Every structure is written in C-alpha cells, then in structure tokens.
Amino acid sequence: MRKVQFVLGTMALMWLAGGSSARADYDYAWCIQDSEYGYPGDCSYQTREQCLLSASGRKGFCAQNPAVATRPPLPPALRGRRVPPY
C-alpha cells in the first residue's frame, strides 16, 4: 500500500511540476531590437511612441514587428475599434 501511495504521490508531483509556467507573449506592432532581445525583439508595444520611450537610453532601436506587418488589414467594419492582437 505504501508503494502505491508513493507512486501516486510522485506522479501527482510530476504532473504539477510539468505544467507550463505563466508566459507573457505579446505580438504587437512595434519591437525593440537590440543585442539583448535579438530578432524580432521585444514586441510588447502597441505604438511607436511607446517603443521609443522604452528604447530611450538603450542601445537599441524600434522597428515594426515582421509578424504583424505581414498580416492582412482589418475589414472596414473593425477598423478604428479596439480589438486584441491576433
């Protein structure tokens, strides 16, 4: 009985430890590109101004996210509305 409890406890711990950690994936239109972030960079900026303010004082620059730049434009019914990124 102890072996069964040990095996079940070990399996439960492995299941809990194997879960993925919380991630903050962003896919916004502007990225800071530098040696720290690589390519395409830290793409967590919705506007160029946000990116420039964050890049101020760093040895990086702001560029458009290549993944967002290749997306088709929004349909006219959704333009101007605040919609989450794809």
C-alpha atoms as a PDB file:
ATOM      1  CA  MET A   1       0.000   0.000   0.000  1.00  0.00           C
ATOM      2  CA  ARG A   2       2.862   2.376   0.773  1.00  0.00           C
ATOM      3  CA  LYS A   3       4.392   1.762  -2.637  1.00  0.00           C
ATOM      4  CA  VAL A   4       1.115   2.651  -4.354  1.00  0.00           C
ATOM      5  CA  GLN A   5       0.862   5.874  -2.335  1.00  0.00           C
ATOM      6  CA  PHE A   6       4.473   6.710  -3.138  1.00  0.00           C
ATOM      7  CA  VAL A   7       3.948   6.113  -6.869  1.00  0.00           C
ATOM      8  CA  LEU A   8       0.705   8.113  -6.942  1.00  0.00           C
ATOM      9  CA  GLY A   9       2.316  10.956  -4.968  1.00  0.00           C
ATOM     10  CA  THR A  10       5.292  11.005  -7.322  1.00  0.00           C
ATOM     11  CA  MET A  11       3.007  11.051 -10.353  1.00  0.00           C
ATOM     12  CA  ALA A  12       0.998  13.938  -8.873  1.00  0.00           C
ATOM     13  CA  LEU A  13       4.173  15.942  -8.203  1.00  0.00           C
ATOM     14  CA  MET A  14       5.466  15.307 -11.708  1.00  0.00           C
ATOM     15  CA  TRP A  15       2.123  16.405 -13.149  1.00  0.00           C
ATOM     16  CA  LEU A  16       2.168  19.621 -11.095  1.00  0.00           C
ATOM     17  CA  ALA A  17       5.813  20.363 -11.889  1.00  0.00           C
ATOM     18  CA  GLY A  18       5.346  19.607 -15.568  1.00  0.00           C
ATOM     19  CA  GLY A  19       2.757  22.339 -16.072  1.00  0.00           C
ATOM     20  CA  SER A  20       3.912  25.266 -18.111  1.00  0.00           C
ATOM     21  CA  SER A  21       4.752  28.466 -16.322  1.00  0.00           C
ATOM     22  CA  ALA A  22       2.879  31.683 -16.955  1.00  0.00           C
ATOM     23  CA  ARG A  23       4.059  33.429 -20.097  1.00  0.00           C
ATOM     24  CA  ALA A  24       3.602  36.949 -21.311  1.00  0.00           C
ATOM     25  CA  ASP A  25       3.574  36.534 -25.055  1.00  0.00           C
ATOM     26  CA  TYR A  26       2.928  39.717 -26.923  1.00  0.00           C
ATOM     27  CA  ASP A  27       2.611  40.168 -30.614  1.00  0.00           C
ATOM     28  CA  TYR A  28       2.116  43.885 -31.001  1.00  0.00           C
ATOM     29  CA  ALA A  29       3.098  46.092 -33.898  1.00  0.00           C
ATOM     30  CA  TRP A  30       6.362  47.566 -32.543  1.00  0.00           C
ATOM     31  CA  CYS A  31       9.517  45.849 -31.289  1.00  0.00           C
ATOM     32  CA  ILE A  32      12.692  46.963 -29.573  1.00  0.00           C
ATOM     33  CA  GLN A  33      15.564  45.294 -31.366  1.00  0.00           C
ATOM     34  CA  ASP A  34      18.984  45.092 -29.767  1.00  0.00           C
ATOM     35  CA  SER A  35      21.597  42.549 -28.729  1.00  0.00           C
ATOM     36  CA  GLU A  36      19.640  41.701 -25.562  1.00  0.00           C
ATOM     37  CA  TYR A  37      16.433  40.679 -27.316  1.00  0.00           C
ATOM     38  CA  GLY A  38      17.693  39.593 -30.724  1.00  0.00           C
ATOM     39  CA  TYR A  39      15.335  39.398 -33.710  1.00  0.00           C
ATOM     40  CA  PRO A  40      12.481  40.342 -33.898  1.00  0.00           C
ATOM     41  CA  GLY A  41      12.992  41.701 -30.372  1.00  0.00           C
ATOM     42  CA  ASP A  42      10.692  42.651 -27.528  1.00  0.00           C
ATOM     43  CA  CYS A  43       7.380  43.113 -29.360  1.00  0.00           C
ATOM     44  CA  SER A  44       5.274  44.358 -26.465  1.00  0.00           C
ATOM     45  CA  TYR A  45       4.482  47.855 -27.756  1.00  0.00           C
ATOM     46  CA  GLN A  46       1.243  48.904 -29.399  1.00  0.00           C
ATOM     47  CA  THR A  47       2.514  52.246 -30.677  1.00  0.00           C
ATOM     48  CA  ARG A  48       5.809  53.563 -31.989  1.00  0.00           C
ATOM     49  CA  GLU A  49       5.814  56.216 -29.259  1.00  0.00           C
ATOM     50  CA  GLN A  50       5.635  53.559 -26.528  1.00  0.00           C
ATOM     51  CA  CYS A  51       8.519  51.713 -28.136  1.00  0.00           C
ATOM     52  CA  LEU A  52      10.643  54.868 -28.483  1.00  0.00           C
ATOM     53  CA  LEU A  53      10.071  55.820 -24.848  1.00  0.00           C
ATOM     54  CA  SER A  54      11.101  52.370 -23.692  1.00  0.00           C
ATOM     55  CA  ALA A  55      14.109  52.262 -26.027  1.00  0.00           C
ATOM     56  CA  SER A  56      15.332  55.645 -24.791  1.00  0.00           C
ATOM     57  CA  GLY A  57      18.710  55.154 -23.139  1.00  0.00           C
ATOM     58  CA  ARG A  58      19.251  51.687 -24.568  1.00  0.00           C
ATOM     59  CA  LYS A  59      21.485  50.671 -27.432  1.00  0.00           C
ATOM     60  CA  GLY A  60      18.536  49.531 -29.474  1.00  0.00           C
ATOM     61  CA  PHE A  61      16.006  50.813 -31.935  1.00  0.00           C
ATOM     62  CA  CYS A  62      12.329  50.404 -32.708  1.00  0.00           C
ATOM     63  CA  ALA A  63      11.085  48.532 -35.744  1.00  0.00           C
ATOM     64  CA  GLN A  64       7.795  47.142 -36.897  1.00  0.00           C
ATOM     65  CA  ASN A  65       7.055  43.573 -35.908  1.00  0.00           C
ATOM     66  CA  PRO A  66       7.549  41.477 -39.065  1.00  0.00           C
ATOM     67  CA  ALA A  67       4.810  39.055 -37.995  1.00  0.00           C
ATOM     68  CA  VAL A  68       2.280  41.884 -37.692  1.00  0.00           C
ATOM     69  CA  ALA A  69       3.431  43.655 -40.845  1.00  0.00           C
ATOM     70  CA  THR A  70       2.592  40.597 -42.964  1.00  0.00           C
ATOM     71  CA  ARG A  71      -0.955  40.245 -41.614  1.00  0.00           C
ATOM     72  CA  PRO A  72      -3.852  41.211 -43.834  1.00  0.00           C
ATOM     73  CA  PRO A  73      -5.542  44.503 -42.928  1.00  0.00           C
ATOM     74  CA  LEU A  74      -8.652  44.528 -40.772  1.00  0.00           C
ATOM     75  CA  PRO A  75     -12.015  44.593 -42.529  1.00  0.00           C
ATOM     76  CA  PRO A  76     -13.630  48.054 -42.673  1.00  0.00           C
ATOM     77  CA  ALA A  77     -16.220  47.080 -40.057  1.00  0.00           C
ATOM     78  CA  LEU A  78     -13.468  46.507 -37.472  1.00  0.00           C
ATOM     79  CA  ARG A  79     -11.180  49.417 -38.318  1.00  0.00           C
ATOM     80  CA  GLY A  80     -10.974  52.004 -35.616  1.00  0.00           C
ATOM     81  CA  ARG A  81     -12.270  49.623 -32.968  1.00  0.00           C
ATOM     82  CA  ARG A  82     -10.093  48.456 -30.150  1.00  0.00           C
ATOM     83  CA  VAL A  83      -9.519  44.781 -30.849  1.00  0.00           C
ATOM     84  CA  PRO A  84      -6.966  42.487 -29.218  1.00  0.00           C
ATOM     85  CA  PRO A  85      -3.947  41.423 -31.280  1.00  0.00           C
ATOM     86  CA  TYR A  86      -4.232  38.164 -33.190  1.00  0.00           C
END
